[in-house]
Amino acid sequence: MANANLETEQTVILDIPLAGVGGATIVSSAGALISAGDTDWLQSPMGADAGSGTVSIGIIEVKLTASNAATTYDLALATNAITGTEIVAVLDGHNVTTAAGRMAQADHTGSLIKFAADAGVVANVLFRITFLYR
Protein backbone atom coordinates (compact mmCIF):
# COMPACT_ATOMS: atom_id res chain seq x y z
CA MET A 1 0.00 0.00 0.00
CA ALA A 2 1.09 3.63 0.25
CA ASN A 3 0.40 6.83 2.10
CA ALA A 4 -2.59 8.89 0.99
CA ASN A 5 -3.26 12.59 1.59
CA LEU A 6 0.07 13.09 3.42
CA GLU A 7 3.06 15.32 2.69
CA THR A 8 6.34 13.41 2.50
CA GLU A 9 7.82 15.37 5.43
CA GLN A 10 6.96 13.76 8.77
CA THR A 11 8.19 14.48 12.28
CA VAL A 12 8.92 11.80 14.88
CA ILE A 13 7.88 12.99 18.34
CA LEU A 14 8.52 9.67 20.12
CA ASP A 15 9.56 6.19 19.02
CA ILE A 16 10.53 3.76 21.79
CA PRO A 17 9.98 0.09 22.64
CA LEU A 18 7.79 -0.66 25.65
CA ALA A 19 8.90 -2.74 28.62
CA GLY A 20 7.84 -6.29 29.29
CA VAL A 21 6.85 -7.51 32.75
CA GLY A 22 10.34 -8.90 33.44
CA GLY A 23 12.30 -5.71 33.05
CA ALA A 24 12.35 -2.22 31.71
CA THR A 25 13.25 -1.30 28.19
CA ILE A 26 16.50 0.67 28.30
CA VAL A 27 17.41 3.18 25.60
CA SER A 28 20.66 5.16 25.47
CA SER A 29 20.64 8.96 25.32
CA ALA A 30 21.37 8.61 21.58
CA GLY A 31 18.21 6.54 21.14
CA ALA A 32 19.91 3.14 20.69
CA LEU A 33 18.12 0.14 22.21
CA ILE A 34 20.23 -1.32 25.04
CA SER A 35 17.75 -3.87 26.41
CA ALA A 36 14.24 -4.70 25.17
CA GLY A 37 13.22 -6.16 28.53
CA ASP A 38 11.05 -9.25 28.85
CA THR A 39 8.55 -9.66 26.01
CA ASP A 40 6.74 -12.77 27.34
CA TRP A 41 3.54 -10.76 27.77
CA LEU A 42 3.39 -10.03 24.02
CA GLN A 43 1.44 -12.90 22.53
CA SER A 44 0.01 -13.31 19.08
CA PRO A 45 -2.66 -14.55 19.06
CA MET A 46 -3.56 -13.90 22.69
CA GLY A 47 -3.33 -17.05 24.78
CA ALA A 48 -0.76 -18.64 22.48
CA ASP A 49 2.01 -18.39 25.12
CA ALA A 50 4.35 -17.30 22.35
CA GLY A 51 5.92 -13.84 22.40
CA SER A 52 5.74 -12.12 19.05
CA GLY A 53 8.22 -9.29 19.51
CA THR A 54 8.50 -6.02 21.32
CA VAL A 55 5.69 -3.53 20.95
CA SER A 56 6.81 0.07 20.48
CA ILE A 57 4.98 3.34 20.94
CA GLY A 58 5.21 5.84 18.14
CA ILE A 59 4.10 9.46 17.98
CA ILE A 60 4.37 11.26 14.66
CA GLU A 61 3.20 14.53 13.17
CA VAL A 62 2.02 14.41 9.57
CA LYS A 63 0.79 17.20 7.32
CA LEU A 64 -2.33 16.65 5.23
CA THR A 65 -2.28 17.60 1.54
CA ALA A 66 -6.03 18.07 1.05
CA SER A 67 -9.09 19.19 2.94
CA ASN A 68 -11.43 16.62 4.48
CA ALA A 69 -10.04 13.64 2.55
CA ALA A 70 -9.38 9.99 3.34
CA THR A 71 -5.88 9.63 4.77
CA THR A 72 -3.60 6.61 5.16
CA TYR A 73 -0.25 6.15 6.94
CA ASP A 74 1.48 2.92 5.88
CA LEU A 75 3.83 1.66 8.59
CA ALA A 76 5.46 -0.75 6.10
CA LEU A 77 6.52 2.08 3.76
CA ALA A 78 10.32 2.33 4.12
CA THR A 79 10.37 6.09 3.52
CA ASN A 80 8.03 6.85 6.44
CA ALA A 81 9.31 8.41 9.66
CA ILE A 82 8.43 5.30 11.72
CA THR A 83 8.35 1.87 10.12
CA GLY A 84 7.28 -1.59 11.26
CA THR A 85 5.19 -4.55 10.23
CA GLU A 86 1.97 -4.30 12.25
CA ILE A 87 -0.19 -1.63 13.88
CA VAL A 88 -1.29 -2.96 17.29
CA ALA A 89 -3.49 -0.01 18.29
CA VAL A 90 -4.13 3.63 17.41
CA LEU A 91 -4.29 5.50 20.70
CA ASP A 92 -4.93 9.07 19.55
CA GLY A 93 -5.02 11.36 16.57
CA HIS A 94 -5.58 15.06 16.86
CA ASN A 95 -5.15 18.28 14.92
CA VAL A 96 -2.29 20.30 16.42
CA THR A 97 -2.70 23.24 14.03
CA THR A 98 -6.16 24.30 15.13
CA ALA A 99 -8.84 23.13 17.53
CA ALA A 100 -11.24 22.70 14.61
CA GLY A 101 -11.02 19.56 12.53
CA ARG A 102 -10.60 16.26 14.32
CA MET A 103 -9.67 12.78 13.19
CA ALA A 104 -12.89 10.95 12.41
CA GLN A 105 -13.61 7.36 11.41
CA ALA A 106 -10.15 6.19 12.56
CA ASP A 107 -9.31 2.58 11.85
CA HIS A 108 -6.27 0.38 11.44
CA THR A 109 -5.55 -2.89 9.72
CA GLY A 110 -2.24 -4.67 9.20
CA SER A 111 0.32 -1.92 8.67
CA LEU A 112 -2.18 0.85 7.85
CA ILE A 113 -3.57 3.68 9.95
CA LYS A 114 -6.62 4.98 8.12
CA PHE A 115 -8.79 7.97 8.99
CA ALA A 116 -11.01 10.59 7.53
CA ALA A 117 -10.70 14.10 8.88
CA ASP A 118 -13.90 15.95 9.69
CA ALA A 119 -15.22 18.89 7.66
CA GLY A 120 -13.17 21.41 9.68
CA VAL A 121 -9.86 20.12 8.33
CA VAL A 122 -8.07 22.05 5.58
CA ALA A 123 -4.90 21.32 3.64
CA ASN A 124 -1.57 21.78 5.45
CA VAL A 125 -2.84 21.08 8.97
CA LEU A 126 -0.68 18.91 11.20
CA PHE A 127 -2.08 15.78 12.80
CA ARG A 128 -0.29 14.12 15.72
CA ILE A 129 -0.92 10.37 15.74
CA THR A 130 -0.06 8.12 18.71
CA PHE A 131 0.02 4.39 18.10
CA LEU A 132 1.42 1.05 19.25
CA TYR A 133 3.22 -1.07 16.66
CA ARG A 134 5.67 -3.89 16.11
C-alpha atoms as a PDB file:
ATOM      1  CA  MET A   1       0.000   0.000   0.000  1.00  0.00           C
ATOM      2  CA  ALA A   2       1.091   3.629   0.250  1.00  0.00           C
ATOM      3  CA  ASN A   3       0.404   6.828   2.097  1.00  0.00           C
ATOM      4  CA  ALA A   4      -2.586   8.888   0.990  1.00  0.00           C
ATOM      5  CA  ASN A   5      -3.256  12.587   1.590  1.00  0.00           C
ATOM      6  CA  LEU A   6       0.069  13.088   3.415  1.00  0.00           C
ATOM      7  CA  GLU A   7       3.056  15.316   2.692  1.00  0.00           C
ATOM      8  CA  THR A   8       6.342  13.409   2.500  1.00  0.00           C
ATOM      9  CA  GLU A   9       7.824  15.367   5.427  1.00  0.00           C
ATOM     10  CA  GLN A  10       6.961  13.756   8.771  1.00  0.00           C
ATOM     11  CA  THR A  11       8.190  14.477  12.282  1.00  0.00           C
ATOM     12  CA  VAL A  12       8.925  11.803  14.877  1.00  0.00           C
ATOM     13  CA  ILE A  13       7.883  12.988  18.335  1.00  0.00           C
ATOM     14  CA  LEU A  14       8.518   9.671  20.123  1.00  0.00           C
ATOM     15  CA  ASP A  15       9.561   6.185  19.023  1.00  0.00           C
ATOM     16  CA  ILE A  16      10.526   3.759  21.791  1.00  0.00           C
ATOM     17  CA  PRO A  17       9.980   0.086  22.638  1.00  0.00           C
ATOM     18  CA  LEU A  18       7.792  -0.660  25.653  1.00  0.00           C
ATOM     19  CA  ALA A  19       8.898  -2.737  28.619  1.00  0.00           C
ATOM     20  CA  GLY A  20       7.836  -6.291  29.288  1.00  0.00           C
ATOM     21  CA  VAL A  21       6.851  -7.509  32.749  1.00  0.00           C
ATOM     22  CA  GLY A  22      10.339  -8.901  33.440  1.00  0.00           C
ATOM     23  CA  GLY A  23      12.302  -5.710  33.050  1.00  0.00           C
ATOM     24  CA  ALA A  24      12.353  -2.223  31.711  1.00  0.00           C
ATOM     25  CA  THR A  25      13.255  -1.299  28.186  1.00  0.00           C
ATOM     26  CA  ILE A  26      16.496   0.671  28.301  1.00  0.00           C
ATOM     27  CA  VAL A  27      17.406   3.178  25.603  1.00  0.00           C
ATOM     28  CA  SER A  28      20.660   5.163  25.469  1.00  0.00           C
ATOM     29  CA  SER A  29      20.642   8.961  25.316  1.00  0.00           C
ATOM     30  CA  ALA A  30      21.374   8.614  21.583  1.00  0.00           C
ATOM     31  CA  GLY A  31      18.211   6.538  21.138  1.00  0.00           C
ATOM     32  CA  ALA A  32      19.908   3.142  20.688  1.00  0.00           C
ATOM     33  CA  LEU A  33      18.124   0.144  22.213  1.00  0.00           C
ATOM     34  CA  ILE A  34      20.232  -1.319  25.037  1.00  0.00           C
ATOM     35  CA  SER A  35      17.750  -3.868  26.409  1.00  0.00           C
ATOM     36  CA  ALA A  36      14.244  -4.703  25.167  1.00  0.00           C
ATOM     37  CA  GLY A  37      13.220  -6.159  28.526  1.00  0.00           C
ATOM     38  CA  ASP A  38      11.049  -9.247  28.849  1.00  0.00           C
ATOM     39  CA  THR A  39       8.550  -9.662  26.012  1.00  0.00           C
ATOM     40  CA  ASP A  40       6.742 -12.767  27.338  1.00  0.00           C
ATOM     41  CA  TRP A  41       3.542 -10.756  27.768  1.00  0.00           C
ATOM     42  CA  LEU A  42       3.395 -10.034  24.021  1.00  0.00           C
ATOM     43  CA  GLN A  43       1.439 -12.899  22.525  1.00  0.00           C
ATOM     44  CA  SER A  44       0.006 -13.307  19.075  1.00  0.00           C
ATOM     45  CA  PRO A  45      -2.659 -14.545  19.060  1.00  0.00           C
ATOM     46  CA  MET A  46      -3.560 -13.896  22.692  1.00  0.00           C
ATOM     47  CA  GLY A  47      -3.333 -17.050  24.782  1.00  0.00           C
ATOM     48  CA  ALA A  48      -0.755 -18.641  22.479  1.00  0.00           C
ATOM     49  CA  ASP A  49       2.012 -18.392  25.116  1.00  0.00           C
ATOM     50  CA  ALA A  50       4.350 -17.296  22.348  1.00  0.00           C
ATOM     51  CA  GLY A  51       5.916 -13.842  22.403  1.00  0.00           C
ATOM     52  CA  SER A  52       5.744 -12.121  19.054  1.00  0.00           C
ATOM     53  CA  GLY A  53       8.220  -9.293  19.505  1.00  0.00           C
ATOM     54  CA  THR A  54       8.501  -6.025  21.318  1.00  0.00           C
ATOM     55  CA  VAL A  55       5.692  -3.530  20.946  1.00  0.00           C
ATOM     56  CA  SER A  56       6.811   0.073  20.482  1.00  0.00           C
ATOM     57  CA  ILE A  57       4.980   3.336  20.938  1.00  0.00           C
ATOM     58  CA  GLY A  58       5.214   5.844  18.137  1.00  0.00           C
ATOM     59  CA  ILE A  59       4.096   9.457  17.977  1.00  0.00           C
ATOM     60  CA  ILE A  60       4.365  11.261  14.661  1.00  0.00           C
ATOM     61  CA  GLU A  61       3.203  14.527  13.169  1.00  0.00           C
ATOM     62  CA  VAL A  62       2.015  14.415   9.570  1.00  0.00           C
ATOM     63  CA  LYS A  63       0.786  17.197   7.316  1.00  0.00           C
ATOM     64  CA  LEU A  64      -2.331  16.649   5.229  1.00  0.00           C
ATOM     65  CA  THR A  65      -2.284  17.602   1.543  1.00  0.00           C
ATOM     66  CA  ALA A  66      -6.026  18.072   1.046  1.00  0.00           C
ATOM     67  CA  SER A  67      -9.090  19.192   2.945  1.00  0.00           C
ATOM     68  CA  ASN A  68     -11.431  16.621   4.480  1.00  0.00           C
ATOM     69  CA  ALA A  69     -10.035  13.644   2.546  1.00  0.00           C
ATOM     70  CA  ALA A  70      -9.381   9.991   3.340  1.00  0.00           C
ATOM     71  CA  THR A  71      -5.878   9.634   4.773  1.00  0.00           C
ATOM     72  CA  THR A  72      -3.602   6.612   5.164  1.00  0.00           C
ATOM     73  CA  TYR A  73      -0.254   6.152   6.940  1.00  0.00           C
ATOM     74  CA  ASP A  74       1.477   2.923   5.881  1.00  0.00           C
ATOM     75  CA  LEU A  75       3.831   1.663   8.593  1.00  0.00           C
ATOM     76  CA  ALA A  76       5.463  -0.746   6.100  1.00  0.00           C
ATOM     77  CA  LEU A  77       6.517   2.076   3.761  1.00  0.00           C
ATOM     78  CA  ALA A  78      10.319   2.325   4.117  1.00  0.00           C
ATOM     79  CA  THR A  79      10.368   6.092   3.518  1.00  0.00           C
ATOM     80  CA  ASN A  80       8.026   6.851   6.444  1.00  0.00           C
ATOM     81  CA  ALA A  81       9.305   8.413   9.663  1.00  0.00           C
ATOM     82  CA  ILE A  82       8.433   5.302  11.717  1.00  0.00           C
ATOM     83  CA  THR A  83       8.349   1.868  10.117  1.00  0.00           C
ATOM     84  CA  GLY A  84       7.285  -1.587  11.262  1.00  0.00           C
ATOM     85  CA  THR A  85       5.187  -4.548  10.227  1.00  0.00           C
ATOM     86  CA  GLU A  86       1.965  -4.297  12.254  1.00  0.00           C
ATOM     87  CA  ILE A  87      -0.194  -1.633  13.882  1.00  0.00           C
ATOM     88  CA  VAL A  88      -1.289  -2.963  17.290  1.00  0.00           C
ATOM     89  CA  ALA A  89      -3.492  -0.007  18.287  1.00  0.00           C
ATOM     90  CA  VAL A  90      -4.128   3.631  17.406  1.00  0.00           C
ATOM     91  CA  LEU A  91      -4.294   5.500  20.697  1.00  0.00           C
ATOM     92  CA  ASP A  92      -4.934   9.067  19.550  1.00  0.00           C
ATOM     93  CA  GLY A  93      -5.023  11.360  16.573  1.00  0.00           C
ATOM     94  CA  HIS A  94      -5.582  15.065  16.857  1.00  0.00           C
ATOM     95  CA  ASN A  95      -5.151  18.276  14.920  1.00  0.00           C
ATOM     96  CA  VAL A  96      -2.290  20.300  16.421  1.00  0.00           C
ATOM     97  CA  THR A  97      -2.698  23.236  14.033  1.00  0.00           C
ATOM     98  CA  THR A  98      -6.164  24.297  15.128  1.00  0.00           C
ATOM     99  CA  ALA A  99      -8.840  23.134  17.530  1.00  0.00           C
ATOM    100  CA  ALA A 100     -11.245  22.702  14.609  1.00  0.00           C
ATOM    101  CA  GLY A 101     -11.020  19.559  12.534  1.00  0.00           C
ATOM    102  CA  ARG A 102     -10.597  16.264  14.318  1.00  0.00           C
ATOM    103  CA  MET A 103      -9.666  12.784  13.194  1.00  0.00           C
ATOM    104  CA  ALA A 104     -12.894  10.950  12.406  1.00  0.00           C
ATOM    105  CA  GLN A 105     -13.608   7.362  11.414  1.00  0.00           C
ATOM    106  CA  ALA A 106     -10.154   6.192  12.565  1.00  0.00           C
ATOM    107  CA  ASP A 107      -9.309   2.581  11.847  1.00  0.00           C
ATOM    108  CA  HIS A 108      -6.269   0.383  11.440  1.00  0.00           C
ATOM    109  CA  THR A 109      -5.552  -2.885   9.717  1.00  0.00           C
ATOM    110  CA  GLY A 110      -2.241  -4.665   9.202  1.00  0.00           C
ATOM    111  CA  SER A 111       0.321  -1.925   8.673  1.00  0.00           C
ATOM    112  CA  LEU A 112      -2.185   0.847   7.852  1.00  0.00           C
ATOM    113  CA  ILE A 113      -3.571   3.680   9.954  1.00  0.00           C
ATOM    114  CA  LYS A 114      -6.621   4.978   8.119  1.00  0.00           C
ATOM    115  CA  PHE A 115      -8.789   7.966   8.990  1.00  0.00           C
ATOM    116  CA  ALA A 116     -11.012  10.594   7.527  1.00  0.00           C
ATOM    117  CA  ALA A 117     -10.705  14.101   8.882  1.00  0.00           C
ATOM    118  CA  ASP A 118     -13.898  15.950   9.689  1.00  0.00           C
ATOM    119  CA  ALA A 119     -15.218  18.888   7.662  1.00  0.00           C
ATOM    120  CA  GLY A 120     -13.169  21.411   9.680  1.00  0.00           C
ATOM    121  CA  VAL A 121      -9.857  20.122   8.325  1.00  0.00           C
ATOM    122  CA  VAL A 122      -8.074  22.051   5.575  1.00  0.00           C
ATOM    123  CA  ALA A 123      -4.902  21.317   3.638  1.00  0.00           C
ATOM    124  CA  ASN A 124      -1.570  21.784   5.450  1.00  0.00           C
ATOM    125  CA  VAL A 125      -2.839  21.084   8.966  1.00  0.00           C
ATOM    126  CA  LEU A 126      -0.675  18.909  11.204  1.00  0.00           C
ATOM    127  CA  PHE A 127      -2.077  15.783  12.795  1.00  0.00           C
ATOM    128  CA  ARG A 128      -0.288  14.117  15.722  1.00  0.00           C
ATOM    129  CA  ILE A 129      -0.924  10.367  15.743  1.00  0.00           C
ATOM    130  CA  THR A 130      -0.063   8.122  18.711  1.00  0.00           C
ATOM    131  CA  PHE A 131       0.018   4.389  18.096  1.00  0.00           C
ATOM    132  CA  LEU A 132       1.424   1.053  19.246  1.00  0.00           C
ATOM    133  CA  TYR A 133       3.220  -1.075  16.665  1.00  0.00           C
ATOM    134  CA  ARG A 134       5.669  -3.895  16.113  1.00  0.00           C
END
